[in-house]
Amino acid sequence: MTEGRSESLRRQQVRLAAELRAAGKTWVQAAEIFQTRFRLNPRVALRTVRGWSQTRAADEWNRRWPDEPKTFKSFSYWEIWPGKGGYSPSQDNLVRLAEIYECSVVDLLADLPSFRHLDSAAGTTLTAPRGTTTTLAGEIMVPGEAEILLRDLLSRRPGAEASAPLPADATGLYRLPEEVDFGELAQVIAMWMQRIPHSQARRDMLGNLTAALAVATVAPLTELAGLAQHADAAPAADLGRFDPATLAHCETMMPNLRKQGDVLGASSTLPSALAYRRIAEQQAKAAPNGALRDRAVTAYAELTQLSGWLCFNMGDYGSAQRFYDDARAAAHEARAVELVTYILCTMSHLATWQGKPRVGIDHAVAAAAWAEQSDTPYARAYAADVAVRALTADGQAARSKDTLDQEYAALQAALSGQSQRQSWWYFYDESFFWSTSAQNALKFHDADQVLTVTDKALKLSDQGNLHNRSFRLLFRAEAFARQRSIGLACQTITEAVELTSVNSTRRIEQRVRQLRRGLDPWKRTRAVKELDQAIGAYQSPPAS
């Protein structure tokens, strides 16, 4: 641990758990102390006292019951419950959780409200469990729990031993991005927002979070270049020579950087992406001809595309186009046909967003041609997806409907699991298809149809992808506005705005302002005034 820094939360918990167990405390007794000390609910405390992440807990579950597998998401939902956004575990699942944590089912539910005091025969008034408070509506709320979990995530290195040295502050999120589980971080952010009932309290806490995460936006690229250093990689000062471990590290970082962008936003992720792109470029120049060079050039192409995508979300369309052109040329050089398809798809998306749907159609047609050469259903499905969006923007109802049908057929083939899925398709699933269907419905169908498909998209969404969730909420908000359900429209936009305050994405902010302009006829209503307050509190001012 660095001298002068306080002991990290994770190490405090590990040390305390070891002391309690050494003193003969049961897991339940130790968890009760954790509830009070760290303000956790019992389900979180029983996991945390063992030093387990949600992923580790899911692994323990799957080892015992492989026929009924769970992911960290299931544990997150159970731990959020009974707050908004959580799901109650079934009786069978509670029994299995009790077996994993070596406790009773009652121990798992100790934070639920008690109404024994309503019994006229009761002689005393019972209080809520230690470490918890209740809202006026009776919902359990643990004000500090999300903050504790967030700090825990920022200080934890997945896969490391519990006793290993850990970074002690939020800076570690950017100095060691490969060590952050962004899926869990997104769950914590969502829980934080959902468990705090008052908008001003949420606003204050999200403001603190955003300030803590702002380190990335000012981190010098010369420092970020050192991110590639690890036990097996070439030193940063010697990146002029080819090193397979350094290249492998760049490849490993790409999916992590994409997820970081989904959770924390483009501006927080771009410096790291640019640093890794520079390292990959050096490796591509130094790599020997043949398979290794193609691999290095492919890594450079993917990191260049990612940089373009981040610029796109920041509203810098000129830089996005330049990165995309560079990425496309590099992918062609490496003969990475499937990556060429993906880059062409993103170029189509960029053109359509800029109000050039005919150019978007051209890129989508080219993407479809390369997708046939790649013989990958994900490539065919996503090429159809961007074509639907371009055709929709161009007002071509019949062609967009036919292409939607083609997309769905290709998606079903992809989801059958018969083909290998490249990492850049991580975001593309059935929920994405329904999201694109919502955009099509906004153009050609009534608001009821939009709400139907948007509900499907949100229900199937990866809750860790805050970027996609925000856009889908805005589709729903537009449908409410068309129905003149102004209160529901404003509430839904506000939810997206709150997500945007963490995942700072200029495109989402532009969409919010566009929807807000459509609400001008109701600007004197309480709902719109409250929306204006939320936009003013959470969003950055428009670019001049």
Protein backbone atom coordinates (compact mmCIF):
# COMPACT_ATOMS: atom_id res chain seq x y z
CA MET A 1 0.00 0.00 0.00
CA THR A 2 1.25 3.48 -0.85
CA GLU A 3 2.56 5.28 2.23
CA GLY A 4 0.22 7.97 3.52
CA ARG A 5 -2.90 6.52 1.95
CA SER A 6 -5.72 5.13 4.03
CA GLU A 7 -6.35 1.43 3.87
CA SER A 8 -8.63 0.55 0.94
CA LEU A 9 -12.17 -0.55 1.66
CA ARG A 10 -11.55 -3.97 0.21
CA ARG A 11 -8.56 -4.60 2.44
CA GLN A 12 -10.45 -3.33 5.46
CA GLN A 13 -13.18 -5.86 4.77
CA VAL A 14 -10.74 -8.71 4.18
CA ARG A 15 -8.85 -7.91 7.38
CA LEU A 16 -12.00 -7.55 9.46
CA ALA A 17 -13.46 -10.80 8.11
CA ALA A 18 -10.26 -12.67 8.96
CA GLU A 19 -10.25 -11.22 12.49
CA LEU A 20 -13.90 -12.14 13.07
CA ARG A 21 -13.43 -15.69 11.83
CA ALA A 22 -10.29 -16.08 13.90
CA ALA A 23 -12.33 -14.99 16.91
CA GLY A 24 -14.79 -17.80 16.25
CA LYS A 25 -17.60 -15.76 14.71
CA THR A 26 -19.95 -17.58 12.34
CA TRP A 27 -20.48 -16.26 8.85
CA VAL A 28 -23.87 -14.90 9.95
CA GLN A 29 -22.41 -13.15 13.00
CA ALA A 30 -19.63 -11.67 10.90
CA ALA A 31 -22.11 -10.54 8.25
CA GLU A 32 -24.22 -8.78 10.90
CA ILE A 33 -21.15 -6.79 11.88
CA PHE A 34 -20.52 -5.99 8.20
CA GLN A 35 -24.12 -4.74 7.88
CA THR A 36 -23.53 -2.23 10.66
CA ARG A 37 -19.91 -1.29 9.88
CA PHE A 38 -20.28 -0.90 6.10
CA ARG A 39 -24.04 -0.25 5.88
CA LEU A 40 -24.82 -3.29 3.73
CA ASN A 41 -28.01 -5.26 3.40
CA PRO A 42 -27.77 -8.91 4.58
CA ARG A 43 -27.51 -10.43 1.09
CA VAL A 44 -24.60 -8.15 0.21
CA ALA A 45 -23.00 -8.62 3.62
CA LEU A 46 -23.13 -12.43 3.50
CA ARG A 47 -21.34 -12.34 0.15
CA THR A 48 -18.87 -9.57 1.00
CA VAL A 49 -17.78 -11.09 4.30
CA ARG A 50 -16.43 -14.04 2.30
CA GLY A 51 -14.48 -11.72 0.03
CA TRP A 52 -16.55 -12.73 -2.98
CA SER A 53 -17.56 -10.59 -5.95
CA GLN A 54 -20.96 -11.19 -7.51
CA THR A 55 -19.19 -13.09 -10.28
CA ARG A 56 -17.45 -15.34 -7.74
CA ALA A 57 -20.77 -15.99 -5.99
CA ALA A 58 -22.30 -16.96 -9.34
CA ASP A 59 -19.37 -19.32 -9.94
CA GLU A 60 -20.07 -20.98 -6.59
CA TRP A 61 -23.71 -21.37 -7.57
CA ASN A 62 -22.86 -22.84 -10.99
CA ARG A 63 -20.42 -25.32 -9.46
CA ARG A 64 -23.23 -26.72 -7.32
CA TRP A 65 -26.12 -26.44 -9.78
CA PRO A 66 -24.70 -26.41 -13.33
CA ASP A 67 -28.12 -27.24 -14.82
CA GLU A 68 -29.56 -23.95 -13.50
CA PRO A 69 -26.71 -21.48 -14.09
CA LYS A 70 -26.70 -17.89 -12.83
CA THR A 71 -24.60 -14.87 -13.72
CA PHE A 72 -23.54 -11.91 -11.58
CA LYS A 73 -26.66 -10.15 -12.86
CA SER A 74 -28.93 -12.52 -10.93
CA PHE A 75 -27.04 -11.79 -7.71
CA SER A 76 -27.18 -8.06 -8.46
CA TYR A 77 -30.94 -8.12 -8.92
CA TRP A 78 -31.42 -10.13 -5.69
CA GLU A 79 -29.16 -7.77 -3.77
CA ILE A 80 -30.89 -4.62 -5.07
CA TRP A 81 -34.31 -6.00 -4.10
CA PRO A 82 -36.60 -4.85 -2.50
CA GLY A 83 -35.52 -1.55 -4.03
CA LYS A 84 -36.69 -0.44 -7.44
CA GLY A 85 -34.95 -2.37 -10.22
CA GLY A 86 -34.37 -5.49 -8.14
CA TYR A 87 -36.05 -8.86 -8.37
CA SER A 88 -37.06 -11.02 -5.45
CA PRO A 89 -35.38 -14.43 -5.35
CA SER A 90 -37.77 -17.37 -5.47
CA GLN A 91 -38.13 -19.67 -2.48
CA ASP A 92 -35.93 -22.29 -4.15
CA ASN A 93 -33.27 -19.69 -4.94
CA LEU A 94 -33.32 -18.40 -1.36
CA VAL A 95 -32.73 -21.93 -0.10
CA ARG A 96 -29.77 -22.31 -2.43
CA LEU A 97 -28.34 -18.94 -1.47
CA ALA A 98 -28.60 -19.99 2.16
CA GLU A 99 -26.66 -23.16 1.35
CA ILE A 100 -23.92 -21.20 -0.44
CA TYR A 101 -23.56 -18.68 2.38
CA GLU A 102 -24.05 -21.28 5.16
CA CYS A 103 -26.89 -19.39 6.78
CA SER A 104 -30.67 -19.60 7.15
CA VAL A 105 -33.20 -18.15 4.73
CA VAL A 106 -34.27 -15.75 7.49
CA ASP A 107 -30.73 -14.37 7.65
CA LEU A 108 -30.97 -13.42 3.97
CA LEU A 109 -34.18 -11.46 4.54
CA ALA A 110 -33.29 -9.63 7.74
CA ASP A 111 -33.59 -6.22 6.06
CA LEU A 112 -37.26 -6.59 5.16
CA PRO A 113 -39.70 -4.46 7.16
CA SER A 114 -41.40 -5.94 10.19
CA PHE A 115 -45.00 -5.18 11.14
CA ARG A 116 -45.13 -7.02 14.44
CA HIS A 117 -45.64 -3.72 16.21
CA LEU A 118 -49.09 -3.48 14.60
CA ASP A 119 -50.21 -6.47 16.63
CA SER A 120 -52.26 -5.12 19.54
CA ALA A 121 -50.69 -7.75 21.79
CA ALA A 122 -47.18 -6.50 21.10
CA GLY A 123 -45.65 -4.85 24.12
CA THR A 124 -42.88 -3.02 22.33
CA THR A 125 -42.24 -1.42 19.00
CA LEU A 126 -39.71 -3.32 16.94
CA THR A 127 -37.24 -1.39 14.84
CA ALA A 128 -35.69 -2.09 11.48
CA PRO A 129 -32.46 -4.13 11.37
CA ARG A 130 -29.25 -2.38 12.21
CA GLY A 131 -27.65 -0.44 9.42
CA THR A 132 -30.91 0.15 7.53
CA THR A 133 -33.55 2.83 7.33
CA THR A 134 -37.01 2.76 5.80
CA THR A 135 -38.74 5.25 3.56
CA LEU A 136 -42.22 6.51 4.35
CA ALA A 137 -43.54 3.98 1.84
CA GLY A 138 -41.93 1.16 3.80
CA GLU A 139 -39.19 0.43 1.23
CA ILE A 140 -35.81 -0.48 2.67
CA MET A 141 -33.10 1.95 1.71
CA VAL A 142 -29.43 1.78 2.61
CA PRO A 143 -28.09 5.24 1.76
CA GLY A 144 -24.40 4.42 1.92
CA GLU A 145 -24.58 0.94 0.42
CA ALA A 146 -24.20 1.86 -3.25
CA GLU A 147 -21.29 4.18 -2.42
CA ILE A 148 -19.61 1.41 -0.45
CA LEU A 149 -20.08 -1.05 -3.31
CA LEU A 150 -18.79 1.47 -5.83
CA ARG A 151 -15.63 2.07 -3.82
CA ASP A 152 -15.29 -1.69 -3.45
CA LEU A 153 -15.44 -2.16 -7.22
CA LEU A 154 -12.91 0.59 -7.88
CA SER A 155 -10.49 -1.01 -5.45
CA ARG A 156 -10.94 -4.62 -6.50
CA ARG A 157 -8.82 -6.44 -9.07
CA PRO A 158 -10.85 -9.31 -10.55
CA GLY A 159 -8.93 -12.56 -10.30
CA ALA A 160 -6.49 -11.29 -7.70
CA GLU A 161 -6.05 -12.90 -4.33
CA ALA A 162 -7.90 -11.16 -1.54
CA SER A 163 -4.66 -10.26 0.21
CA ALA A 164 -3.05 -8.65 -2.86
CA PRO A 165 -2.25 -4.91 -2.77
CA LEU A 166 -5.13 -2.84 -4.10
CA PRO A 167 -5.43 0.71 -5.45
CA ALA A 168 -6.94 2.94 -2.79
CA ASP A 169 -8.84 5.54 -4.79
CA ALA A 170 -10.82 6.15 -7.96
CA THR A 171 -7.68 6.93 -9.93
CA GLY A 172 -7.13 3.19 -10.16
CA LEU A 173 -10.15 2.96 -12.43
CA TYR A 174 -8.17 4.63 -15.17
CA ARG A 175 -4.68 3.53 -14.33
CA LEU A 176 -5.83 -0.12 -14.31
CA PRO A 177 -9.00 -0.26 -16.47
CA GLU A 178 -8.47 -3.93 -17.27
CA GLU A 179 -9.03 -4.65 -13.57
CA VAL A 180 -12.50 -3.13 -13.29
CA ASP A 181 -15.64 -5.19 -13.82
CA PHE A 182 -17.68 -2.60 -15.71
CA GLY A 183 -20.74 -4.83 -15.71
CA GLU A 184 -20.85 -4.78 -11.92
CA LEU A 185 -20.00 -1.07 -11.88
CA ALA A 186 -23.02 -0.34 -14.07
CA GLN A 187 -25.21 -2.34 -11.71
CA VAL A 188 -23.95 -0.33 -8.75
CA ILE A 189 -24.58 2.97 -10.54
CA ALA A 190 -28.12 1.87 -11.42
CA MET A 191 -28.75 0.68 -7.87
CA TRP A 192 -27.38 3.94 -6.48
CA MET A 193 -29.85 5.93 -8.54
CA GLN A 194 -32.82 3.67 -7.82
CA ARG A 195 -32.35 3.34 -4.08
CA ILE A 196 -32.15 7.06 -3.30
CA PRO A 197 -35.70 8.40 -3.32
CA HIS A 198 -35.16 12.14 -3.62
CA SER A 199 -33.93 13.74 -6.83
CA GLN A 200 -31.72 16.28 -5.02
CA ALA A 201 -29.94 13.51 -3.09
CA ARG A 202 -29.40 11.55 -6.32
CA ARG A 203 -28.14 14.71 -7.98
CA ASP A 204 -25.60 15.38 -5.23
CA MET A 205 -24.31 11.81 -5.14
CA LEU A 206 -24.07 11.53 -8.92
CA GLY A 207 -22.22 14.82 -8.97
CA ASN A 208 -19.68 13.41 -6.53
CA LEU A 209 -19.33 10.28 -8.64
CA THR A 210 -18.84 12.25 -11.86
CA ALA A 211 -16.17 14.38 -10.20
CA ALA A 212 -14.33 11.28 -8.99
CA LEU A 213 -14.40 9.78 -12.47
CA ALA A 214 -13.22 12.95 -14.22
CA VAL A 215 -9.59 11.84 -13.78
CA ALA A 216 -9.65 10.13 -17.17
CA THR A 217 -10.53 13.25 -19.10
CA VAL A 218 -7.38 15.06 -17.97
CA ALA A 219 -4.95 12.14 -17.78
CA PRO A 220 -1.98 12.82 -20.07
CA LEU A 221 -1.58 10.35 -22.91
CA THR A 222 2.05 9.91 -21.95
CA GLU A 223 0.86 8.38 -18.68
CA LEU A 224 -1.87 6.32 -20.30
CA ALA A 225 0.67 4.75 -22.64
CA GLY A 226 2.09 3.04 -19.58
CA LEU A 227 -1.16 1.13 -19.14
CA ALA A 228 0.20 -1.56 -21.41
CA GLN A 229 2.93 -2.44 -18.94
CA HIS A 230 2.45 -5.67 -17.03
CA ALA A 231 4.53 -8.60 -15.93
CA ASP A 232 4.94 -10.15 -19.40
CA ALA A 233 4.76 -7.11 -21.70
CA ALA A 234 7.57 -5.11 -23.19
CA PRO A 235 8.42 -1.93 -21.24
CA ALA A 236 6.64 1.18 -22.54
CA ALA A 237 9.99 2.74 -23.45
CA ASP A 238 10.78 -0.24 -25.73
CA LEU A 239 7.51 -0.45 -27.64
CA GLY A 240 9.44 0.08 -30.88
CA ARG A 241 10.15 -3.67 -30.96
CA PHE A 242 7.51 -6.29 -31.52
CA ASP A 243 6.39 -8.12 -28.41
CA PRO A 244 3.62 -10.76 -28.55
CA ALA A 245 2.60 -10.14 -24.92
CA THR A 246 2.14 -6.41 -25.52
CA LEU A 247 0.00 -7.13 -28.58
CA ALA A 248 -2.04 -9.67 -26.62
CA HIS A 249 -2.58 -7.08 -23.89
CA CYS A 250 -3.93 -4.58 -26.45
CA GLU A 251 -6.30 -7.24 -27.77
CA THR A 252 -7.48 -8.05 -24.26
CA MET A 253 -8.13 -4.39 -23.51
CA MET A 254 -10.43 -3.75 -26.46
CA PRO A 255 -13.62 -5.34 -25.05
CA ASN A 256 -12.91 -3.73 -21.67
CA LEU A 257 -12.59 -0.30 -23.27
CA ARG A 258 -15.84 -0.79 -25.16
CA LYS A 259 -17.65 -1.66 -21.94
CA GLN A 260 -16.01 1.28 -20.18
CA GLY A 261 -17.45 3.55 -22.86
CA ASP A 262 -20.92 2.04 -22.39
CA VAL A 263 -20.82 2.61 -18.63
CA LEU A 264 -18.77 5.77 -18.10
CA GLY A 265 -19.09 7.51 -21.44
CA ALA A 266 -16.98 8.43 -24.44
CA SER A 267 -14.97 11.31 -22.98
CA SER A 268 -13.83 9.16 -20.05
CA THR A 269 -12.71 6.34 -22.35
CA LEU A 270 -11.18 8.06 -25.37
CA PRO A 271 -7.77 8.91 -23.79
CA SER A 272 -7.20 5.24 -22.93
CA ALA A 273 -8.38 4.09 -26.36
CA LEU A 274 -6.01 6.51 -28.10
CA ALA A 275 -3.10 5.38 -25.95
CA TYR A 276 -3.70 1.72 -26.78
CA ARG A 277 -4.19 2.59 -30.45
CA ARG A 278 -0.74 4.19 -30.48
CA ILE A 279 0.78 1.12 -28.87
CA ALA A 280 -0.96 -1.18 -31.37
CA GLU A 281 0.29 0.99 -34.24
CA GLN A 282 3.87 0.65 -32.98
CA GLN A 283 3.43 -3.11 -32.70
CA ALA A 284 1.99 -3.31 -36.23
CA LYS A 285 5.00 -1.42 -37.65
CA ALA A 286 7.45 -3.66 -35.79
CA ALA A 287 5.70 -7.00 -36.40
CA PRO A 288 7.29 -9.47 -38.85
CA ASN A 289 5.42 -10.06 -42.12
CA GLY A 290 2.82 -12.78 -42.10
CA ALA A 291 0.19 -13.80 -39.57
CA LEU A 292 1.63 -11.77 -36.71
CA ARG A 293 1.61 -8.57 -38.73
CA ASP A 294 -1.97 -9.18 -39.88
CA ARG A 295 -2.95 -9.72 -36.27
CA ALA A 296 -1.26 -6.51 -35.13
CA VAL A 297 -2.79 -4.47 -37.97
CA THR A 298 -6.20 -5.92 -37.09
CA ALA A 299 -5.75 -4.80 -33.47
CA TYR A 300 -4.80 -1.33 -34.70
CA ALA A 301 -7.86 -1.26 -36.97
CA GLU A 302 -10.22 -2.24 -34.17
CA LEU A 303 -8.78 0.30 -31.73
CA THR A 304 -9.01 2.96 -34.45
CA GLN A 305 -12.66 2.09 -35.06
CA LEU A 306 -13.29 2.26 -31.32
CA SER A 307 -11.68 5.71 -31.19
CA GLY A 308 -13.97 6.80 -34.01
CA TRP A 309 -17.02 5.43 -32.21
CA LEU A 310 -16.10 7.37 -29.07
CA CYS A 311 -15.61 10.57 -31.09
CA PHE A 312 -19.01 9.96 -32.70
CA ASN A 313 -20.68 9.75 -29.29
CA MET A 314 -18.89 12.93 -28.22
CA GLY A 315 -20.39 14.74 -31.22
CA ASP A 316 -17.06 15.10 -33.06
CA TYR A 317 -18.25 13.70 -36.38
CA GLY A 318 -15.27 14.88 -38.42
CA SER A 319 -12.79 12.99 -36.23
CA ALA A 320 -15.08 9.97 -36.18
CA GLN A 321 -15.10 9.88 -40.00
CA ARG A 322 -11.30 10.13 -40.17
CA PHE A 323 -10.85 7.32 -37.67
CA TYR A 324 -13.38 5.14 -39.50
CA ASP A 325 -11.63 5.69 -42.86
CA ASP A 326 -8.27 4.78 -41.30
CA ALA A 327 -9.76 1.73 -39.58
CA ARG A 328 -11.39 0.50 -42.79
CA ALA A 329 -8.13 0.77 -44.74
CA ALA A 330 -6.21 -1.08 -42.01
CA ALA A 331 -8.82 -3.84 -41.77
CA HIS A 332 -8.64 -4.32 -45.55
CA GLU A 333 -4.85 -4.49 -45.35
CA ALA A 334 -5.11 -7.24 -42.72
CA ARG A 335 -7.80 -9.05 -44.77
CA ALA A 336 -10.07 -8.95 -41.72
CA VAL A 337 -13.32 -9.33 -43.67
CA GLU A 338 -15.68 -9.45 -40.70
CA LEU A 339 -14.06 -6.37 -39.15
CA VAL A 340 -14.38 -4.55 -42.49
CA THR A 341 -18.11 -5.33 -42.34
CA TYR A 342 -18.42 -3.95 -38.83
CA ILE A 343 -16.54 -0.75 -39.70
CA LEU A 344 -18.73 -0.17 -42.76
CA CYS A 345 -21.76 -0.61 -40.51
CA THR A 346 -20.51 2.06 -38.13
CA MET A 347 -19.83 4.36 -41.10
CA SER A 348 -23.44 3.84 -42.20
CA HIS A 349 -24.66 4.69 -38.70
CA LEU A 350 -22.58 7.87 -38.66
CA ALA A 351 -23.90 9.04 -42.03
CA THR A 352 -27.52 8.33 -41.11
CA TRP A 353 -27.18 10.16 -37.79
CA GLN A 354 -25.79 13.20 -39.64
CA GLY A 355 -28.88 13.36 -41.83
CA LYS A 356 -27.31 11.63 -44.85
CA PRO A 357 -29.41 8.45 -45.09
CA ARG A 358 -28.56 7.83 -48.77
CA VAL A 359 -24.87 7.69 -47.87
CA GLY A 360 -25.86 5.46 -44.96
CA ILE A 361 -27.63 3.13 -47.40
CA ASP A 362 -24.51 2.99 -49.62
CA HIS A 363 -22.34 1.96 -46.67
CA ALA A 364 -24.94 -0.57 -45.53
CA VAL A 365 -25.04 -2.17 -49.00
CA ALA A 366 -21.24 -2.43 -48.98
CA ALA A 367 -21.36 -3.91 -45.48
CA ALA A 368 -23.91 -6.51 -46.61
CA ALA A 369 -21.65 -7.53 -49.52
CA TRP A 370 -18.67 -8.04 -47.23
CA ALA A 371 -20.88 -9.81 -44.69
CA GLU A 372 -21.70 -12.44 -47.29
CA GLN A 373 -17.98 -13.02 -47.79
CA SER A 374 -17.43 -13.37 -44.04
CA ASP A 375 -20.26 -15.94 -43.87
CA THR A 376 -21.02 -14.81 -40.30
CA PRO A 377 -24.69 -14.38 -39.27
CA TYR A 378 -23.80 -11.58 -36.83
CA ALA A 379 -22.25 -9.63 -39.70
CA ARG A 380 -25.27 -10.22 -41.95
CA ALA A 381 -27.71 -9.30 -39.17
CA TYR A 382 -25.97 -6.09 -38.15
CA ALA A 383 -25.46 -5.00 -41.78
CA ALA A 384 -29.23 -5.37 -42.15
CA ASP A 385 -29.76 -3.43 -38.91
CA VAL A 386 -27.90 -0.33 -40.07
CA ALA A 387 -29.65 -0.61 -43.44
CA VAL A 388 -33.02 -0.54 -41.64
CA ARG A 389 -32.04 2.64 -39.83
CA ALA A 390 -30.85 4.32 -43.04
CA LEU A 391 -33.93 3.22 -45.01
CA THR A 392 -36.16 4.38 -42.16
CA ALA A 393 -34.51 7.81 -42.12
CA ASP A 394 -34.97 7.99 -45.90
CA GLY A 395 -38.69 7.28 -45.55
CA GLN A 396 -38.64 3.90 -47.31
CA ALA A 397 -41.30 2.02 -45.36
CA ALA A 398 -41.59 -1.15 -47.48
CA ARG A 399 -37.85 -1.71 -47.93
CA SER A 400 -37.14 -1.05 -44.26
CA LYS A 401 -39.82 -3.59 -43.27
CA ASP A 402 -38.36 -6.24 -45.60
CA THR A 403 -34.86 -5.57 -44.28
CA LEU A 404 -36.11 -5.86 -40.69
CA ASP A 405 -37.39 -9.34 -41.56
CA GLN A 406 -33.99 -10.22 -43.05
CA GLU A 407 -32.26 -8.95 -39.91
CA TYR A 408 -34.46 -11.04 -37.63
CA ALA A 409 -33.76 -14.22 -39.64
CA ALA A 410 -30.00 -13.61 -39.55
CA LEU A 411 -30.16 -12.77 -35.84
CA GLN A 412 -31.89 -16.05 -35.05
CA ALA A 413 -29.14 -17.89 -36.94
CA ALA A 414 -26.53 -15.97 -34.94
CA LEU A 415 -28.21 -16.67 -31.60
CA SER A 416 -28.40 -20.38 -32.36
CA GLY A 417 -24.77 -20.50 -31.26
CA GLN A 418 -23.45 -22.26 -34.34
CA SER A 419 -20.93 -19.55 -35.23
CA GLN A 420 -18.09 -17.87 -33.36
CA ARG A 421 -18.89 -14.39 -32.05
CA GLN A 422 -16.20 -11.74 -32.40
CA SER A 423 -15.80 -9.41 -29.43
CA TRP A 424 -17.07 -6.32 -31.26
CA TRP A 425 -20.55 -7.89 -31.57
CA TYR A 426 -20.90 -7.99 -27.76
CA PHE A 427 -23.68 -5.35 -27.80
CA TYR A 428 -25.73 -6.92 -30.59
CA ASP A 429 -28.56 -9.18 -29.44
CA GLU A 430 -32.32 -9.49 -29.70
CA SER A 431 -32.84 -6.36 -27.59
CA PHE A 432 -30.90 -4.39 -30.22
CA PHE A 433 -33.22 -5.68 -32.94
CA TRP A 434 -36.26 -4.49 -30.97
CA SER A 435 -34.57 -1.14 -30.39
CA THR A 436 -34.13 -0.68 -34.14
CA SER A 437 -37.75 -1.80 -34.59
CA ALA A 438 -38.71 1.03 -32.21
CA GLN A 439 -36.91 3.57 -34.41
CA ASN A 440 -38.73 2.18 -37.44
CA ALA A 441 -42.06 2.30 -35.59
CA LEU A 442 -41.49 5.93 -34.61
CA LYS A 443 -41.31 6.74 -38.32
CA PHE A 444 -44.09 4.58 -39.72
CA HIS A 445 -46.38 3.36 -36.92
CA ASP A 446 -48.39 4.67 -33.97
CA ALA A 447 -47.15 5.27 -30.42
CA ASP A 448 -48.67 2.03 -29.10
CA GLN A 449 -46.51 0.01 -31.49
CA VAL A 450 -43.44 1.99 -30.40
CA LEU A 451 -44.15 1.25 -26.73
CA THR A 452 -44.68 -2.45 -27.45
CA VAL A 453 -41.31 -2.95 -29.14
CA THR A 454 -39.48 -0.58 -26.78
CA ASP A 455 -40.74 -2.58 -23.80
CA LYS A 456 -39.28 -5.71 -25.42
CA ALA A 457 -35.96 -3.95 -25.99
CA LEU A 458 -35.74 -2.72 -22.39
CA LYS A 459 -36.82 -6.07 -20.94
CA LEU A 460 -34.11 -7.93 -22.87
CA SER A 461 -31.43 -5.25 -22.46
CA ASP A 462 -28.09 -5.80 -20.82
CA GLN A 463 -28.56 -3.61 -17.75
CA GLY A 464 -24.82 -2.91 -17.76
CA ASN A 465 -24.98 -1.08 -21.11
CA LEU A 466 -26.09 2.35 -19.89
CA HIS A 467 -25.54 3.86 -23.34
CA ASN A 468 -28.05 1.62 -25.12
CA ARG A 469 -30.50 1.78 -22.23
CA SER A 470 -30.53 5.59 -22.39
CA PHE A 471 -31.43 5.62 -26.08
CA ARG A 472 -34.21 3.08 -25.57
CA LEU A 473 -35.69 5.14 -22.77
CA LEU A 474 -35.73 8.14 -25.11
CA PHE A 475 -37.61 6.15 -27.77
CA ARG A 476 -40.19 5.33 -25.10
CA ALA A 477 -40.34 8.98 -24.01
CA GLU A 478 -41.05 10.11 -27.57
CA ALA A 479 -43.91 7.62 -27.80
CA PHE A 480 -45.38 8.96 -24.54
CA ALA A 481 -45.10 12.50 -25.86
CA ARG A 482 -46.99 11.51 -29.02
CA GLN A 483 -49.74 10.14 -26.82
CA ARG A 484 -49.66 13.45 -24.94
CA SER A 485 -48.79 11.59 -21.74
CA ILE A 486 -46.53 14.49 -20.82
CA GLY A 487 -45.88 13.39 -17.23
CA LEU A 488 -44.69 9.93 -18.34
CA ALA A 489 -42.61 11.44 -21.13
CA CYS A 490 -40.87 13.81 -18.70
CA GLN A 491 -40.25 11.08 -16.14
CA THR A 492 -38.71 8.82 -18.79
CA ILE A 493 -36.51 11.57 -20.21
CA THR A 494 -35.36 12.39 -16.67
CA GLU A 495 -34.31 8.77 -16.13
CA ALA A 496 -32.22 8.91 -19.32
CA VAL A 497 -30.78 12.27 -18.27
CA GLU A 498 -29.68 10.81 -14.94
CA LEU A 499 -27.94 7.94 -16.70
CA THR A 500 -26.31 10.43 -19.05
CA SER A 501 -24.86 12.33 -16.11
CA VAL A 502 -22.56 9.35 -15.53
CA ASN A 503 -22.29 8.15 -19.13
CA SER A 504 -21.60 11.57 -20.63
CA THR A 505 -22.59 11.14 -24.28
CA ARG A 506 -23.15 14.20 -26.44
CA ARG A 507 -25.44 12.32 -28.83
CA ILE A 508 -27.79 11.42 -26.00
CA GLU A 509 -27.74 15.01 -24.77
CA GLN A 510 -28.62 16.21 -28.28
CA ARG A 511 -31.52 13.76 -28.42
CA VAL A 512 -32.76 14.91 -25.01
CA ARG A 513 -32.77 18.53 -26.12
CA GLN A 514 -34.60 17.61 -29.31
CA LEU A 515 -37.32 15.88 -27.30
CA ARG A 516 -37.48 18.78 -24.88
CA ARG A 517 -38.11 21.23 -27.72
CA GLY A 518 -41.08 19.10 -28.72
CA LEU A 519 -42.53 19.67 -25.23
CA ASP A 520 -42.56 23.47 -25.55
CA PRO A 521 -46.37 23.63 -25.76
CA TRP A 522 -46.43 22.25 -22.19
CA LYS A 523 -43.48 24.22 -20.85
CA ARG A 524 -45.54 25.81 -18.07
CA THR A 525 -46.64 22.47 -16.65
CA ARG A 526 -45.07 21.12 -13.49
CA ALA A 527 -43.76 18.00 -15.28
CA VAL A 528 -41.84 19.98 -17.89
CA LYS A 529 -40.51 22.43 -15.32
CA GLU A 530 -39.14 19.53 -13.26
CA LEU A 531 -37.61 18.06 -16.43
CA ASP A 532 -35.92 21.40 -17.13
CA GLN A 533 -34.49 21.37 -13.61
CA ALA A 534 -33.10 17.85 -14.16
CA ILE A 535 -31.56 18.79 -17.50
CA GLY A 536 -29.99 21.87 -15.94
CA ALA A 537 -28.62 19.89 -13.01
CA TYR A 538 -27.28 16.85 -14.85
CA GLN A 539 -26.30 17.81 -18.38
CA SER A 540 -23.46 19.90 -19.71
CA PRO A 541 -24.34 23.08 -21.61
CA PRO A 542 -24.83 22.77 -25.39
CA ALA A 543 -21.69 23.07 -27.48
CA SER A 544 -21.41 26.52 -29.02
